[in-house]
Amino acid sequence: MSQTDKEKSESTENPQAESGPGGISEAFRPLVKELVKAGLVVYETVSEKASGFGKQLNELVEEARSEAKKTSCHDSAPEEPEKKSRESKPAKAKESQKKS
């Protein structure tokens, strides 16, 4: 009997034998399955938290955009003549004080 034939017969006779190079033996299968299940629970929890954070972040971005639009609309509106004259008078007074 060749080495390969011997390995095949041993693996079929012994269910605890490894399934091949890099394979998971039947003895460790329940442990690996539990680890995978625990990983899924962690993944789902993190995914839910990240999704909630993403929603909050999107809401904040939208609020910031709308506030930025409001601010830019107010900045681009022409000023009233009275406001300009009131603002320019103190500046002129400060300039004349500096010259003195």
N, C-alpha and C. Protein backbone atom coordinates (compact mmCIF):
# COMPACT_ATOMS: atom_id res chain seq x y z
N MET A 1 0.86 -1.17 0.00
CA MET A 1 0.00 0.00 0.00
C MET A 1 0.90 1.24 0.00
N SER A 2 0.60 2.21 -0.86
CA SER A 2 1.42 3.42 -0.95
C SER A 2 1.08 4.36 0.21
N GLN A 3 1.94 5.39 0.36
CA GLN A 3 1.75 6.36 1.44
C GLN A 3 0.41 7.09 1.27
N THR A 4 0.06 7.46 0.06
CA THR A 4 -1.20 8.18 -0.19
C THR A 4 -2.40 7.31 0.13
N ASP A 5 -2.35 6.05 -0.27
CA ASP A 5 -3.45 5.14 0.03
C ASP A 5 -3.61 4.95 1.53
N LYS A 6 -2.48 4.89 2.23
CA LYS A 6 -2.50 4.71 3.68
C LYS A 6 -3.14 5.92 4.36
N GLU A 7 -2.78 7.14 3.88
CA GLU A 7 -3.36 8.36 4.46
C GLU A 7 -4.86 8.41 4.21
N LYS A 8 -5.29 8.03 3.01
CA LYS A 8 -6.73 8.04 2.69
C LYS A 8 -7.49 7.08 3.58
N SER A 9 -6.96 5.90 3.79
CA SER A 9 -7.66 4.92 4.60
C SER A 9 -7.71 5.35 6.06
N GLU A 10 -6.65 6.00 6.54
CA GLU A 10 -6.64 6.47 7.92
C GLU A 10 -7.65 7.59 8.12
N SER A 11 -7.75 8.47 7.14
CA SER A 11 -8.68 9.60 7.31
C SER A 11 -10.12 9.15 7.24
N THR A 12 -10.43 8.11 6.48
CA THR A 12 -11.80 7.63 6.43
C THR A 12 -12.13 6.77 7.66
N GLU A 13 -11.13 6.10 8.19
CA GLU A 13 -11.35 5.28 9.37
C GLU A 13 -11.43 6.12 10.63
N ASN A 14 -10.69 7.23 10.68
CA ASN A 14 -10.62 8.06 11.88
C ASN A 14 -11.26 9.42 11.60
N PRO A 15 -12.48 9.65 12.07
CA PRO A 15 -13.14 10.94 11.81
C PRO A 15 -12.44 12.11 12.50
N GLN A 16 -11.56 11.84 13.46
CA GLN A 16 -10.83 12.89 14.14
C GLN A 16 -9.62 13.36 13.34
N ALA A 17 -9.30 12.71 12.25
CA ALA A 17 -8.12 13.07 11.47
C ALA A 17 -8.34 14.41 10.78
N GLU A 18 -7.23 15.07 10.46
CA GLU A 18 -7.32 16.36 9.77
C GLU A 18 -7.86 16.17 8.37
N SER A 19 -8.48 17.20 7.84
CA SER A 19 -9.07 17.10 6.52
C SER A 19 -8.06 17.37 5.42
N GLY A 20 -6.85 17.73 5.75
CA GLY A 20 -5.83 17.98 4.75
C GLY A 20 -4.95 19.13 5.19
N PRO A 21 -3.98 19.50 4.36
CA PRO A 21 -3.10 20.62 4.72
C PRO A 21 -3.91 21.90 4.92
N GLY A 22 -3.75 22.50 6.07
CA GLY A 22 -4.48 23.74 6.36
C GLY A 22 -5.93 23.52 6.73
N GLY A 23 -6.36 22.29 6.78
CA GLY A 23 -7.75 21.99 7.09
C GLY A 23 -8.01 22.03 8.59
N ILE A 24 -9.27 22.01 8.96
CA ILE A 24 -9.65 22.02 10.37
C ILE A 24 -10.02 20.61 10.76
N SER A 25 -9.38 20.10 11.80
CA SER A 25 -9.71 18.74 12.22
C SER A 25 -11.09 18.75 12.87
N GLU A 26 -11.69 17.59 12.85
CA GLU A 26 -13.03 17.45 13.42
C GLU A 26 -13.03 17.79 14.92
N ALA A 27 -11.91 17.59 15.58
CA ALA A 27 -11.84 17.87 17.02
C ALA A 27 -11.96 19.37 17.29
N PHE A 28 -11.43 20.18 16.38
CA PHE A 28 -11.47 21.64 16.59
C PHE A 28 -12.66 22.32 15.94
N ARG A 29 -13.40 21.58 15.17
CA ARG A 29 -14.53 22.16 14.43
C ARG A 29 -15.54 22.88 15.34
N PRO A 30 -15.99 22.28 16.46
CA PRO A 30 -16.94 23.00 17.33
C PRO A 30 -16.35 24.30 17.89
N LEU A 31 -15.07 24.26 18.24
CA LEU A 31 -14.42 25.46 18.77
C LEU A 31 -14.36 26.56 17.71
N VAL A 32 -13.99 26.18 16.51
CA VAL A 32 -13.89 27.16 15.42
C VAL A 32 -15.28 27.74 15.10
N LYS A 33 -16.30 26.88 15.14
CA LYS A 33 -17.66 27.34 14.87
C LYS A 33 -18.11 28.36 15.92
N GLU A 34 -17.78 28.11 17.19
CA GLU A 34 -18.12 29.06 18.26
C GLU A 34 -17.39 30.38 18.08
N LEU A 35 -16.14 30.31 17.67
CA LEU A 35 -15.37 31.54 17.42
C LEU A 35 -15.98 32.34 16.27
N VAL A 36 -16.41 31.64 15.23
CA VAL A 36 -17.04 32.32 14.09
C VAL A 36 -18.34 32.98 14.53
N LYS A 37 -19.14 32.27 15.34
CA LYS A 37 -20.40 32.84 15.82
C LYS A 37 -20.14 34.08 16.68
N ALA A 38 -19.13 34.01 17.54
CA ALA A 38 -18.79 35.17 18.38
C ALA A 38 -18.33 36.33 17.49
N GLY A 39 -17.56 36.03 16.47
CA GLY A 39 -17.12 37.06 15.54
C GLY A 39 -18.29 37.72 14.82
N LEU A 40 -19.28 36.93 14.47
CA LEU A 40 -20.47 37.48 13.82
C LEU A 40 -21.23 38.43 14.75
N VAL A 41 -21.33 38.05 16.02
CA VAL A 41 -22.01 38.91 16.99
C VAL A 41 -21.27 40.24 17.12
N VAL A 42 -19.95 40.17 17.21
CA VAL A 42 -19.15 41.39 17.32
C VAL A 42 -19.31 42.23 16.05
N TYR A 43 -19.25 41.59 14.89
CA TYR A 43 -19.39 42.30 13.62
C TYR A 43 -20.73 43.01 13.53
N GLU A 44 -21.81 42.31 13.88
CA GLU A 44 -23.15 42.91 13.81
C GLU A 44 -23.28 44.08 14.77
N THR A 45 -22.74 43.94 15.98
CA THR A 45 -22.80 45.02 16.97
C THR A 45 -22.04 46.25 16.47
N VAL A 46 -20.84 46.03 15.99
CA VAL A 46 -20.03 47.15 15.49
C VAL A 46 -20.70 47.78 14.28
N SER A 47 -21.26 46.95 13.42
CA SER A 47 -21.93 47.46 12.22
C SER A 47 -23.12 48.35 12.59
N GLU A 48 -23.91 47.92 13.58
CA GLU A 48 -25.05 48.72 14.02
C GLU A 48 -24.60 50.05 14.60
N LYS A 49 -23.55 50.01 15.42
CA LYS A 49 -23.03 51.24 16.03
C LYS A 49 -22.50 52.19 14.96
N ALA A 50 -21.77 51.64 14.00
CA ALA A 50 -21.21 52.46 12.92
C ALA A 50 -22.33 53.05 12.07
N SER A 51 -23.37 52.29 11.84
CA SER A 51 -24.50 52.77 11.06
C SER A 51 -25.17 53.94 11.77
N GLY A 52 -25.38 53.80 13.08
CA GLY A 52 -25.98 54.89 13.86
C GLY A 52 -25.10 56.11 13.86
N PHE A 53 -23.79 55.92 13.99
CA PHE A 53 -22.85 57.04 13.95
C PHE A 53 -22.88 57.69 12.58
N GLY A 54 -22.96 56.88 11.54
CA GLY A 54 -23.01 57.41 10.18
C GLY A 54 -24.24 58.27 9.95
N LYS A 55 -25.37 57.84 10.48
CA LYS A 55 -26.61 58.62 10.35
C LYS A 55 -26.47 59.96 11.07
N GLN A 56 -25.91 59.93 12.29
CA GLN A 56 -25.73 61.17 13.04
C GLN A 56 -24.77 62.11 12.31
N LEU A 57 -23.72 61.54 11.76
CA LEU A 57 -22.74 62.34 11.04
C LEU A 57 -23.38 62.97 9.80
N ASN A 58 -24.18 62.21 9.08
CA ASN A 58 -24.87 62.75 7.90
C ASN A 58 -25.81 63.89 8.28
N GLU A 59 -26.51 63.74 9.41
CA GLU A 59 -27.40 64.81 9.87
C GLU A 59 -26.61 66.07 10.19
N LEU A 60 -25.47 65.91 10.85
CA LEU A 60 -24.64 67.07 11.18
C LEU A 60 -24.11 67.75 9.92
N VAL A 61 -23.72 66.96 8.94
CA VAL A 61 -23.23 67.53 7.69
C VAL A 61 -24.33 68.32 7.00
N GLU A 62 -25.53 67.78 6.96
CA GLU A 62 -26.65 68.49 6.34
C GLU A 62 -26.97 69.79 7.08
N GLU A 63 -26.95 69.76 8.41
CA GLU A 63 -27.18 70.98 9.18
C GLU A 63 -26.11 72.02 8.89
N ALA A 64 -24.87 71.58 8.84
CA ALA A 64 -23.77 72.50 8.57
C ALA A 64 -23.91 73.10 7.17
N ARG A 65 -24.30 72.28 6.21
CA ARG A 65 -24.49 72.79 4.84
C ARG A 65 -25.59 73.84 4.79
N SER A 66 -26.71 73.55 5.44
CA SER A 66 -27.82 74.51 5.40
C SER A 66 -27.44 75.81 6.10
N GLU A 67 -26.69 75.70 7.21
CA GLU A 67 -26.25 76.91 7.91
C GLU A 67 -25.24 77.68 7.07
N ALA A 68 -24.38 76.97 6.37
CA ALA A 68 -23.39 77.63 5.51
C ALA A 68 -24.09 78.35 4.36
N LYS A 69 -25.13 77.73 3.81
CA LYS A 69 -25.88 78.38 2.73
C LYS A 69 -26.56 79.64 3.23
N LYS A 70 -27.17 79.56 4.43
CA LYS A 70 -27.83 80.73 5.01
C LYS A 70 -26.82 81.85 5.24
N THR A 71 -25.66 81.50 5.77
CA THR A 71 -24.63 82.49 6.06
C THR A 71 -24.12 83.12 4.77
N SER A 72 -23.90 82.30 3.74
CA SER A 72 -23.38 82.85 2.48
C SER A 72 -24.43 83.71 1.80
N CYS A 73 -25.71 83.39 1.96
CA CYS A 73 -26.77 84.22 1.38
C CYS A 73 -26.80 85.57 2.08
N HIS A 74 -26.63 85.58 3.39
CA HIS A 74 -26.63 86.85 4.14
C HIS A 74 -25.41 87.68 3.80
N ASP A 75 -24.28 87.04 3.61
CA ASP A 75 -23.04 87.76 3.29
C ASP A 75 -23.10 88.37 1.90
N SER A 76 -23.75 87.71 0.97
CA SER A 76 -23.78 88.21 -0.41
C SER A 76 -24.86 89.27 -0.62
N ALA A 77 -25.79 89.43 0.31
CA ALA A 77 -26.84 90.44 0.18
C ALA A 77 -26.22 91.83 0.33
N PRO A 78 -26.66 92.80 -0.52
CA PRO A 78 -26.11 94.15 -0.39
C PRO A 78 -26.50 94.78 0.94
N GLU A 79 -25.57 95.51 1.49
CA GLU A 79 -25.83 96.16 2.78
C GLU A 79 -26.69 97.40 2.56
N GLU A 80 -27.40 97.75 3.60
CA GLU A 80 -28.20 98.96 3.54
C GLU A 80 -27.27 100.16 3.60
N PRO A 81 -27.61 101.25 2.92
CA PRO A 81 -26.74 102.43 2.94
C PRO A 81 -26.49 102.97 4.34
N GLU A 82 -27.49 102.88 5.22
CA GLU A 82 -27.32 103.40 6.58
C GLU A 82 -26.24 102.62 7.33
N LYS A 83 -26.23 101.31 7.15
CA LYS A 83 -25.23 100.49 7.84
C LYS A 83 -23.84 100.85 7.37
N LYS A 84 -23.68 101.08 6.08
CA LYS A 84 -22.36 101.43 5.55
C LYS A 84 -21.90 102.75 6.14
N SER A 85 -22.78 103.71 6.18
CA SER A 85 -22.37 105.02 6.68
C SER A 85 -22.05 104.96 8.16
N ARG A 86 -22.82 104.18 8.92
CA ARG A 86 -22.54 104.05 10.34
C ARG A 86 -21.21 103.35 10.58
N GLU A 87 -20.92 102.33 9.77
CA GLU A 87 -19.69 101.58 9.95
C GLU A 87 -18.48 102.39 9.50
N SER A 88 -18.63 103.22 8.51
CA SER A 88 -17.48 103.95 7.99
C SER A 88 -17.13 105.15 8.88
N LYS A 89 -18.09 105.73 9.59
CA LYS A 89 -17.81 106.88 10.44
C LYS A 89 -16.83 106.54 11.56
N PRO A 90 -17.02 105.45 12.31
CA PRO A 90 -16.05 105.15 13.36
C PRO A 90 -14.67 104.86 12.77
N ALA A 91 -14.61 104.27 11.61
CA ALA A 91 -13.32 103.98 10.99
C ALA A 91 -12.61 105.28 10.65
N LYS A 92 -13.35 106.25 10.13
CA LYS A 92 -12.75 107.55 9.79
C LYS A 92 -12.28 108.26 11.05
N ALA A 93 -13.05 108.16 12.12
CA ALA A 93 -12.67 108.81 13.38
C ALA A 93 -11.39 108.17 13.92
N LYS A 94 -11.27 106.85 13.81
CA LYS A 94 -10.07 106.17 14.28
C LYS A 94 -8.85 106.59 13.45
N GLU A 95 -9.04 106.74 12.14
CA GLU A 95 -7.93 107.15 11.28
C GLU A 95 -7.47 108.55 11.63
N SER A 96 -8.41 109.45 11.91
CA SER A 96 -8.01 110.82 12.25
C SER A 96 -7.32 110.88 13.60
N GLN A 97 -7.69 109.99 14.53
CA GLN A 97 -7.03 109.94 15.84
C GLN A 97 -5.59 109.43 15.69
N LYS A 98 -5.37 108.49 14.78
CA LYS A 98 -4.04 107.95 14.56
C LYS A 98 -3.12 109.01 14.01
N LYS A 99 -3.62 109.89 13.12
CA LYS A 99 -2.81 110.93 12.50
C LYS A 99 -2.40 111.99 13.51
N SER A 100 -3.22 112.19 14.55
CA SER A 100 -2.94 113.25 15.53
C SER A 100 -1.84 112.93 16.47
